[in-house]
Amino acid sequence: MTHDAEPPRTLATVLALNRTVGVVLLSVLFFGLGEQLWNPFFPLYLKAKHDTATAEAAGSLGLAVLLAVGVYACLRNLFEAFCYVGGGQVTARLGDRGSLLLFGTLSIAGYLLFLSWEAPAAAIIATLLIVGWEPLSVPVTFTTVGSTVLQSGQGMAFALQSIQKRLPKIIGPLIAGFVLGAAVEHYQSKEIGQVVGLRWLVALSLLLALVSLAMQFRWMPHHEPPPAGLSAVQVVRQFHPTLRTLLLAEVFTRWCDWLVREFVVLYLLVRGVEPPYIGLLFALQNLTALATYLPIGRMTAVVGLQPFIGLTFVFFALFPLTLALVPDGNWLLLAFVVYGMREIGEPARKALITSLLPEPIRAQGVGLYWGIRSVAVCWSPLVGAFVWHAAGPQVLLYLAFGLGCIGAACFYLFCRSPESGSSGETGTAPVK
């Protein structure tokens, strides 16, 4: 690529924006907001469906409720693994526009199933279809950024994408917490109010998904899909050694994460925290994450990717420890600030993965990377359910901290990003 003259430094240039990236970012925003209106409280929904009263003492939740949440989280990881791999294969064959439209249609089908069939098993199946949009669309995000944004701007592009993912996670839980609280007050019953309130939120999410799908159909540019790629085994064999080491470190860290992720809401409930305040805590977590993205996105071009990726591993380990140690009350805010700081290196990590995957195998490689990770960690929520039941939530949080420390150690000791992974001007010009 030649540069005859320095292009003007417009806001779109600084933010690494073009039409294709813009449509993908808006899709992430709308589908993400729809999911975050209800998904953080889905364990609450399962608990209410099992007619289990809110426990007041740690460890007093029944094994049936813990297993229901653990099985849901396990199935979600397995389904997401299938979606990551399948999303990479579909994107490699249909292109960005065709794959996004297909994935959005599947999500809408999930919303319709959730609203038309009230059985808990149907709700779990519907939820898997809905949350499948994100893992299915991840390869699209990487191929769009990788093919339309210069490598020096990819950290900023992924920072914007991370902001679009975090904004819904700030707004959604706040709205959901107050809607559920209002529904409980209206029906004078926690179980009925939580079930009905969550269904209201799912109906609103369906409307947002329909708007997003129409927007993709109208404005997403159509490009001819590339030729069929290599087999999954051939793609994995082409993984850079640094990418394999990063994947190993992530497996330990994601075990730390998924041991407790779906149980955080239940843990807060047994500590006496009400849903509106839980929504505020999740909003604080995501606001903290959002505040780091643009500054870090700019700084990666100066100091490289490695320091920020390492900090992400550290904060992943620190969250369960902080949650276990802080006293009740407003001290919980500190734990969720740490929760949000886990994302400080997310754009840098994605930029590194993009730089380590050649364009011909990027869509499939991204799907396989995330798919392998999801299969490796899918069992952690089931382990978490049994550890909570046998030893209590505090032991579960300390176990998660230990696994997070192993993941951080793997990264710092063995993962070194290539020099080309943090700088350079390779890539193609932005697509209009």
Protein backbone atom coordinates (compact mmCIF):
# COMPACT_ATOMS: atom_id res chain seq x y z
CA MET A 1 0.00 0.00 0.00
CA THR A 2 1.39 3.42 -0.98
CA HIS A 3 0.85 6.74 0.74
CA ASP A 4 1.19 9.70 -1.69
CA ALA A 5 -0.16 12.19 0.84
CA GLU A 6 -1.06 12.19 4.50
CA PRO A 7 -4.86 11.79 4.75
CA PRO A 8 -6.77 14.41 6.79
CA ARG A 9 -7.09 13.55 10.49
CA THR A 10 -10.87 13.47 10.76
CA LEU A 11 -12.71 12.12 13.81
CA ALA A 12 -13.57 8.98 11.85
CA THR A 13 -9.88 8.48 11.06
CA VAL A 14 -8.84 8.93 14.69
CA LEU A 15 -11.52 6.48 15.83
CA ALA A 16 -10.75 4.00 13.00
CA LEU A 17 -14.36 4.19 11.77
CA ASN A 18 -15.78 3.39 8.35
CA ARG A 19 -19.23 2.40 7.10
CA THR A 20 -18.79 -1.34 7.57
CA VAL A 21 -17.30 -1.03 11.04
CA GLY A 22 -20.05 1.45 11.95
CA VAL A 23 -22.88 -0.93 11.04
CA VAL A 24 -21.22 -3.75 12.97
CA LEU A 25 -20.81 -1.48 16.01
CA LEU A 26 -24.47 -0.46 15.92
CA SER A 27 -25.48 -4.10 15.63
CA VAL A 28 -23.36 -4.92 18.67
CA LEU A 29 -25.04 -2.05 20.54
CA PHE A 30 -28.64 -3.05 19.75
CA PHE A 31 -28.30 -6.80 20.22
CA GLY A 32 -26.15 -6.23 23.29
CA LEU A 33 -28.68 -3.91 24.90
CA GLY A 34 -31.45 -6.42 24.20
CA GLU A 35 -29.48 -9.19 25.90
CA GLN A 36 -28.40 -7.10 28.90
CA LEU A 37 -31.98 -6.05 29.67
CA TRP A 38 -32.63 -9.53 31.04
CA ASN A 39 -29.68 -11.93 30.82
CA PRO A 40 -27.78 -10.85 33.99
CA PHE A 41 -30.91 -11.75 35.98
CA PHE A 42 -31.62 -15.07 34.26
CA PRO A 43 -30.34 -17.10 37.27
CA LEU A 44 -32.93 -15.18 39.29
CA TYR A 45 -35.57 -16.29 36.79
CA LEU A 46 -34.53 -19.94 37.11
CA LYS A 47 -34.58 -19.61 40.88
CA ALA A 48 -38.09 -18.14 40.82
CA LYS A 49 -39.27 -20.84 38.42
CA HIS A 50 -38.10 -23.46 40.90
CA ASP A 51 -40.24 -21.74 43.58
CA THR A 52 -37.20 -21.35 45.84
CA ALA A 53 -37.38 -18.61 48.45
CA THR A 54 -34.48 -16.13 48.69
CA ALA A 55 -31.95 -17.49 51.17
CA GLU A 56 -30.59 -15.27 53.94
CA ALA A 57 -27.54 -17.27 54.96
CA ALA A 58 -24.53 -18.17 52.82
CA GLY A 59 -24.71 -21.68 51.45
CA SER A 60 -28.45 -22.11 52.13
CA LEU A 61 -29.46 -22.21 48.49
CA GLY A 62 -30.62 -25.67 47.47
CA LEU A 63 -28.49 -27.90 45.26
CA ALA A 64 -31.29 -27.99 42.67
CA VAL A 65 -31.04 -24.23 42.10
CA LEU A 66 -27.23 -24.27 42.01
CA LEU A 67 -27.26 -27.16 39.55
CA ALA A 68 -29.86 -25.45 37.35
CA VAL A 69 -27.61 -22.40 37.10
CA GLY A 70 -24.50 -24.56 36.65
CA VAL A 71 -26.09 -26.68 33.91
CA TYR A 72 -27.31 -23.54 32.14
CA ALA A 73 -23.81 -22.00 32.25
CA CYS A 74 -22.20 -25.25 31.09
CA LEU A 75 -24.62 -25.58 28.17
CA ARG A 76 -24.10 -21.93 27.35
CA ASN A 77 -20.34 -22.43 27.05
CA LEU A 78 -20.77 -25.55 24.93
CA PHE A 79 -23.27 -23.79 22.70
CA GLU A 80 -21.01 -20.74 22.44
CA ALA A 81 -18.11 -23.02 21.45
CA PHE A 82 -20.26 -24.40 18.64
CA CYS A 83 -21.25 -20.85 17.67
CA TYR A 84 -17.67 -19.57 17.66
CA VAL A 85 -16.49 -22.36 15.39
CA GLY A 86 -19.66 -22.31 13.30
CA GLY A 87 -19.61 -18.53 13.14
CA GLY A 88 -16.09 -18.60 11.76
CA GLN A 89 -17.03 -21.18 9.13
CA VAL A 90 -20.23 -19.35 8.13
CA THR A 91 -18.48 -15.97 7.96
CA ALA A 92 -15.75 -17.47 5.77
CA ARG A 93 -18.46 -18.64 3.33
CA LEU A 94 -21.27 -16.06 3.49
CA GLY A 95 -19.24 -12.94 4.20
CA ASP A 96 -19.92 -10.34 6.89
CA ARG A 97 -23.39 -9.19 5.78
CA GLY A 98 -24.90 -12.61 5.11
CA SER A 99 -23.62 -14.09 8.35
CA LEU A 100 -24.88 -11.17 10.48
CA LEU A 101 -28.36 -11.46 8.99
CA LEU A 102 -28.42 -15.21 9.64
CA PHE A 103 -27.21 -14.84 13.22
CA GLY A 104 -29.74 -12.08 13.95
CA THR A 105 -32.58 -14.27 12.66
CA LEU A 106 -31.56 -17.08 15.04
CA SER A 107 -31.57 -14.64 17.96
CA ILE A 108 -35.06 -13.41 17.08
CA ALA A 109 -36.25 -17.03 16.94
CA GLY A 110 -34.94 -17.43 20.49
CA TYR A 111 -36.90 -14.43 21.73
CA LEU A 112 -40.08 -15.74 20.14
CA LEU A 113 -39.56 -19.16 21.75
CA PHE A 114 -38.97 -17.58 25.17
CA LEU A 115 -42.19 -15.54 24.95
CA SER A 116 -44.35 -18.34 23.59
CA TRP A 117 -43.31 -21.22 25.89
CA GLU A 118 -42.92 -20.69 29.63
CA ALA A 119 -41.33 -23.99 30.68
CA PRO A 120 -37.86 -23.58 32.30
CA ALA A 121 -36.29 -26.02 29.81
CA ALA A 122 -37.72 -24.00 26.92
CA ALA A 123 -36.40 -20.81 28.51
CA ILE A 124 -32.88 -22.28 28.65
CA ILE A 125 -33.04 -23.35 24.98
CA ALA A 126 -34.40 -19.95 23.97
CA THR A 127 -31.72 -18.18 25.98
CA LEU A 128 -28.98 -20.16 24.27
CA LEU A 129 -30.32 -19.10 20.87
CA ILE A 130 -30.41 -15.47 22.00
CA VAL A 131 -26.96 -15.30 23.58
CA GLY A 132 -25.56 -17.19 20.59
CA TRP A 133 -25.56 -13.95 18.60
CA GLU A 134 -22.43 -12.62 20.29
CA PRO A 135 -20.18 -15.68 19.78
CA LEU A 136 -21.53 -16.13 16.25
CA SER A 137 -20.71 -12.51 15.41
CA VAL A 138 -17.21 -12.42 16.94
CA PRO A 139 -15.50 -13.66 13.75
CA VAL A 140 -17.38 -10.97 11.79
CA THR A 141 -15.97 -8.29 14.08
CA PHE A 142 -12.42 -9.54 13.64
CA THR A 143 -12.62 -9.93 9.86
CA THR A 144 -14.24 -6.50 9.47
CA VAL A 145 -11.59 -4.74 11.55
CA GLY A 146 -8.75 -6.84 10.14
CA SER A 147 -9.67 -6.18 6.50
CA THR A 148 -10.84 -2.55 6.64
CA VAL A 149 -8.66 -0.91 9.32
CA LEU A 150 -4.90 -0.36 9.28
CA GLN A 151 -3.06 -2.42 11.90
CA SER A 152 -1.97 0.73 13.77
CA GLY A 153 -5.65 1.61 14.26
CA GLN A 154 -6.94 -1.82 15.21
CA GLY A 155 -6.45 -1.23 18.94
CA MET A 156 -8.73 1.82 18.69
CA ALA A 157 -11.26 -0.05 16.54
CA PHE A 158 -11.51 -2.83 19.11
CA ALA A 159 -11.71 -0.22 21.88
CA LEU A 160 -14.79 1.26 20.18
CA GLN A 161 -16.26 -2.21 19.77
CA SER A 162 -15.67 -2.87 23.46
CA ILE A 163 -17.41 0.41 24.33
CA GLN A 164 -20.41 -0.62 22.25
CA LYS A 165 -20.50 -3.90 24.18
CA ARG A 166 -20.19 -2.15 27.56
CA LEU A 167 -22.78 0.59 27.10
CA PRO A 168 -25.62 -1.99 27.07
CA LYS A 169 -24.11 -3.63 30.15
CA ILE A 170 -24.37 -0.31 31.98
CA ILE A 171 -27.86 0.65 30.83
CA GLY A 172 -29.44 -2.81 30.69
CA PRO A 173 -28.93 -4.00 34.30
CA LEU A 174 -30.05 -0.62 35.67
CA ILE A 175 -33.30 -0.77 33.71
CA ALA A 176 -33.78 -4.45 34.50
CA GLY A 177 -33.23 -3.99 38.22
CA PHE A 178 -35.89 -1.29 38.47
CA VAL A 179 -38.36 -3.13 36.21
CA LEU A 180 -38.03 -6.31 38.28
CA GLY A 181 -38.41 -4.30 41.48
CA ALA A 182 -41.55 -2.62 40.13
CA ALA A 183 -42.99 -5.95 38.99
CA VAL A 184 -42.40 -7.52 42.41
CA GLU A 185 -44.09 -4.56 44.09
CA HIS A 186 -47.04 -4.71 41.67
CA TYR A 187 -47.66 -8.45 42.09
CA GLN A 188 -46.76 -8.51 45.80
CA SER A 189 -44.75 -11.68 45.15
CA LYS A 190 -41.04 -12.04 44.42
CA GLU A 191 -41.42 -15.19 42.33
CA ILE A 192 -44.33 -13.94 40.17
CA GLY A 193 -42.91 -10.44 39.86
CA GLN A 194 -39.47 -11.67 38.79
CA VAL A 195 -40.91 -14.05 36.17
CA VAL A 196 -43.36 -11.52 34.69
CA GLY A 197 -40.90 -8.64 34.87
CA LEU A 198 -38.24 -10.59 33.03
CA ARG A 199 -40.72 -11.50 30.30
CA TRP A 200 -41.52 -7.80 29.85
CA LEU A 201 -37.82 -7.16 29.37
CA VAL A 202 -37.50 -10.00 26.84
CA ALA A 203 -40.35 -8.51 24.78
CA LEU A 204 -38.54 -5.16 24.66
CA SER A 205 -35.35 -6.96 23.65
CA LEU A 206 -37.18 -8.59 20.73
CA LEU A 207 -38.09 -5.15 19.39
CA LEU A 208 -34.46 -4.03 19.58
CA ALA A 209 -33.33 -7.16 17.72
CA LEU A 210 -35.83 -6.50 14.92
CA VAL A 211 -34.59 -2.92 14.57
CA SER A 212 -30.98 -4.12 14.42
CA LEU A 213 -31.75 -6.75 11.79
CA ALA A 214 -33.51 -4.17 9.60
CA MET A 215 -30.55 -1.83 9.96
CA GLN A 216 -28.09 -4.54 8.87
CA PHE A 217 -30.24 -5.44 5.86
CA ARG A 218 -30.48 -1.80 4.79
CA TRP A 219 -26.97 -0.45 5.39
CA MET A 220 -24.47 -3.32 5.68
CA PRO A 221 -22.36 -3.31 2.49
CA HIS A 222 -22.37 -6.52 0.49
CA HIS A 223 -19.03 -8.04 -0.50
CA GLU A 224 -18.38 -11.26 -2.29
CA PRO A 225 -17.45 -13.93 0.28
CA PRO A 226 -13.90 -15.29 0.05
CA PRO A 227 -13.20 -18.80 -1.21
CA ALA A 228 -13.78 -21.68 1.19
CA GLY A 229 -10.98 -21.88 3.72
CA LEU A 230 -8.93 -24.66 5.22
CA SER A 231 -10.18 -27.38 7.54
CA ALA A 232 -10.31 -26.72 11.27
CA VAL A 233 -7.26 -28.94 11.90
CA GLN A 234 -5.24 -27.12 9.23
CA VAL A 235 -6.16 -23.74 10.71
CA VAL A 236 -5.16 -24.77 14.25
CA ARG A 237 -1.81 -26.03 12.94
CA GLN A 238 -1.16 -22.53 11.62
CA PHE A 239 -1.67 -20.91 15.03
CA HIS A 240 1.33 -18.79 16.03
CA PRO A 241 3.16 -20.16 19.13
CA THR A 242 2.34 -16.95 20.98
CA LEU A 243 -1.34 -17.45 20.18
CA ARG A 244 -1.24 -21.00 21.60
CA THR A 245 0.39 -19.77 24.80
CA LEU A 246 -2.17 -16.97 25.13
CA LEU A 247 -4.95 -19.53 24.71
CA LEU A 248 -3.53 -21.69 27.51
CA ALA A 249 -3.31 -18.71 29.86
CA GLU A 250 -6.85 -17.72 28.97
CA VAL A 251 -8.22 -21.17 29.75
CA PHE A 252 -7.02 -20.90 33.36
CA THR A 253 -8.28 -17.34 33.63
CA ARG A 254 -11.68 -18.19 32.17
CA TRP A 255 -12.00 -21.06 34.63
CA CYS A 256 -11.48 -18.41 37.32
CA ASP A 257 -14.20 -16.33 35.67
CA TRP A 258 -16.82 -19.01 34.97
CA LEU A 259 -16.47 -20.73 38.33
CA VAL A 260 -18.28 -17.72 39.80
CA ARG A 261 -19.76 -15.65 36.95
CA GLU A 262 -23.29 -17.07 36.94
CA PHE A 263 -23.33 -17.35 40.74
CA VAL A 264 -22.49 -13.71 41.46
CA VAL A 265 -26.17 -12.68 41.44
CA LEU A 266 -27.10 -15.52 43.80
CA TYR A 267 -24.11 -14.73 46.04
CA LEU A 268 -25.24 -11.11 46.32
CA LEU A 269 -28.78 -12.26 47.12
CA VAL A 270 -27.64 -14.45 50.00
CA ARG A 271 -25.70 -11.45 51.31
CA GLY A 272 -28.98 -9.51 51.39
CA VAL A 273 -28.48 -7.29 48.32
CA GLU A 274 -31.70 -6.35 46.49
CA PRO A 275 -32.07 -6.54 42.65
CA PRO A 276 -32.02 -2.74 42.06
CA TYR A 277 -28.69 -2.47 43.89
CA ILE A 278 -27.39 -5.53 42.03
CA GLY A 279 -28.23 -3.74 38.79
CA LEU A 280 -26.30 -0.71 40.04
CA LEU A 281 -23.26 -2.87 40.83
CA PHE A 282 -23.24 -4.42 37.34
CA ALA A 283 -23.64 -0.95 35.82
CA LEU A 284 -20.65 0.27 37.85
CA GLN A 285 -18.60 -2.71 36.64
CA ASN A 286 -19.28 -1.90 33.01
CA LEU A 287 -18.90 1.85 33.45
CA THR A 288 -15.44 1.20 34.90
CA ALA A 289 -14.58 -0.98 31.92
CA LEU A 290 -15.90 1.59 29.46
CA ALA A 291 -13.81 4.37 31.02
CA THR A 292 -10.60 2.46 30.20
CA TYR A 293 -11.22 1.66 26.54
CA LEU A 294 -10.49 4.87 24.63
CA PRO A 295 -7.40 5.90 26.66
CA ILE A 296 -5.98 2.38 26.46
CA GLY A 297 -6.89 2.12 22.77
CA ARG A 298 -4.75 5.20 22.11
CA MET A 299 -1.92 4.11 24.41
CA THR A 300 -1.47 0.73 22.71
CA ALA A 301 -0.04 2.53 19.69
CA VAL A 302 2.62 4.09 21.94
CA VAL A 303 3.61 1.44 24.49
CA GLY A 304 2.41 -1.73 22.77
CA LEU A 305 -0.18 -4.37 23.68
CA GLN A 306 1.65 -6.52 26.22
CA PRO A 307 1.34 -4.39 29.41
CA PHE A 308 -2.42 -3.99 29.17
CA ILE A 309 -3.08 -7.64 28.36
CA GLY A 310 -1.10 -8.61 31.46
CA LEU A 311 -3.16 -6.28 33.67
CA THR A 312 -6.33 -7.95 32.41
CA PHE A 313 -5.11 -11.30 33.75
CA VAL A 314 -4.25 -9.73 37.10
CA PHE A 315 -7.67 -8.15 37.58
CA PHE A 316 -9.45 -11.35 36.56
CA ALA A 317 -7.72 -13.04 39.50
CA LEU A 318 -8.35 -10.18 41.92
CA PHE A 319 -12.13 -9.92 41.47
CA PRO A 320 -13.21 -13.12 43.30
CA LEU A 321 -10.71 -12.42 46.08
CA THR A 322 -11.99 -8.86 46.51
CA LEU A 323 -15.63 -10.02 46.46
CA ALA A 324 -14.86 -12.58 49.17
CA LEU A 325 -13.03 -10.09 51.43
CA VAL A 326 -15.03 -6.85 51.24
CA PRO A 327 -17.68 -6.30 53.92
CA ASP A 328 -21.35 -5.72 53.13
CA GLY A 329 -22.69 -2.34 52.13
CA ASN A 330 -20.99 0.16 49.88
CA TRP A 331 -17.70 -1.75 50.07
CA LEU A 332 -19.20 -4.00 47.40
CA LEU A 333 -18.70 -1.10 45.01
CA LEU A 334 -14.93 -1.66 45.28
CA ALA A 335 -15.29 -5.29 44.20
CA PHE A 336 -17.22 -4.28 41.09
CA VAL A 337 -14.71 -1.58 40.19
CA VAL A 338 -12.11 -4.38 40.19
CA TYR A 339 -14.59 -6.44 38.13
CA GLY A 340 -14.65 -3.67 35.52
CA MET A 341 -10.87 -3.25 35.49
CA ARG A 342 -10.61 -6.82 34.17
CA GLU A 343 -11.37 -5.36 30.73
CA ILE A 344 -8.45 -2.93 30.67
CA GLY A 345 -6.56 -5.08 28.15
CA GLU A 346 -9.49 -6.42 26.14
CA PRO A 347 -8.95 -4.25 23.02
CA ALA A 348 -5.20 -4.97 23.15
CA ARG A 349 -5.80 -8.72 23.42
CA LYS A 350 -8.12 -8.70 20.41
CA ALA A 351 -5.68 -6.61 18.41
CA LEU A 352 -2.90 -9.09 19.25
CA ILE A 353 -5.02 -12.06 18.18
CA THR A 354 -5.91 -10.28 14.93
CA SER A 355 -2.25 -9.58 14.17
CA LEU A 356 -1.29 -13.21 14.85
CA LEU A 357 -3.88 -14.63 12.42
CA PRO A 358 -3.22 -14.17 8.67
CA GLU A 359 -6.22 -12.79 6.78
CA PRO A 360 -6.99 -16.01 4.81
CA ILE A 361 -7.64 -17.93 8.05
CA ARG A 362 -8.72 -15.06 10.31
CA ALA A 363 -12.47 -15.79 10.49
CA GLN A 364 -11.95 -19.51 11.04
CA GLY A 365 -9.01 -18.92 13.38
CA VAL A 366 -10.94 -16.53 15.62
CA GLY A 367 -13.87 -18.95 15.78
CA LEU A 368 -11.61 -21.88 16.66
CA TYR A 369 -9.68 -19.88 19.28
CA TRP A 370 -12.84 -18.90 21.13
CA GLY A 371 -14.44 -22.29 20.51
CA ILE A 372 -11.52 -24.24 22.01
CA ARG A 373 -11.54 -21.90 24.99
CA SER A 374 -15.27 -22.34 25.57
CA VAL A 375 -15.09 -26.13 25.42
CA ALA A 376 -12.18 -26.11 27.87
CA VAL A 377 -14.03 -23.97 30.44
CA CYS A 378 -17.61 -25.20 30.00
CA TRP A 379 -17.36 -27.54 32.99
CA SER A 380 -16.33 -24.85 35.44
CA PRO A 381 -19.89 -23.72 36.37
CA LEU A 382 -20.82 -27.31 37.26
CA VAL A 383 -17.70 -27.55 39.43
CA GLY A 384 -18.68 -24.21 40.94
CA ALA A 385 -22.17 -25.48 41.83
CA PHE A 386 -20.79 -28.52 43.66
CA VAL A 387 -18.05 -26.52 45.43
CA TRP A 388 -20.64 -24.00 46.66
CA HIS A 389 -22.93 -26.79 47.87
CA ALA A 390 -20.14 -28.73 49.57
CA ALA A 391 -17.98 -25.95 51.02
CA GLY A 392 -19.84 -22.66 50.61
CA PRO A 393 -19.45 -19.63 48.33
CA GLN A 394 -16.36 -18.25 50.10
CA VAL A 395 -14.32 -21.35 49.25
CA LEU A 396 -15.55 -21.07 45.67
CA LEU A 397 -14.29 -17.50 45.42
CA TYR A 398 -10.86 -18.43 46.84
CA LEU A 399 -10.59 -21.33 44.37
CA ALA A 400 -11.37 -18.96 41.50
CA PHE A 401 -8.64 -16.60 42.74
CA GLY A 402 -6.10 -19.43 42.70
CA LEU A 403 -6.93 -20.37 39.11
CA GLY A 404 -6.72 -16.73 38.09
CA CYS A 405 -3.23 -16.51 39.55
CA ILE A 406 -2.17 -19.54 37.48
CA GLY A 407 -3.51 -17.87 34.32
CA ALA A 408 -1.68 -14.63 35.06
CA ALA A 409 1.55 -16.53 35.75
CA CYS A 410 1.26 -18.41 32.43
CA PHE A 411 0.90 -15.13 30.57
CA TYR A 412 3.77 -13.30 32.26
CA LEU A 413 6.17 -16.25 32.15
CA PHE A 414 5.52 -17.70 28.70
CA CYS A 415 3.56 -15.32 26.46
CA ARG A 416 5.59 -12.77 24.53
CA SER A 417 3.94 -10.80 21.73
CA PRO A 418 5.98 -10.48 18.51
CA GLU A 419 7.35 -7.03 17.70
CA SER A 420 5.02 -6.84 14.71
CA GLY A 421 2.03 -7.42 16.96
CA SER A 422 2.10 -3.95 18.46
CA SER A 423 2.98 -1.70 15.57
CA GLY A 424 2.97 -1.41 11.86
CA GLU A 425 0.93 -0.07 9.01
CA THR A 426 -0.12 -3.25 7.30
CA GLY A 427 -3.69 -3.76 6.30
CA THR A 428 -6.06 -2.43 3.72
CA ALA A 429 -7.66 0.94 3.38
CA PRO A 430 -10.98 1.48 5.06
CA VAL A 431 -13.98 0.41 3.05
CA LYS A 432 -16.66 2.99 2.41
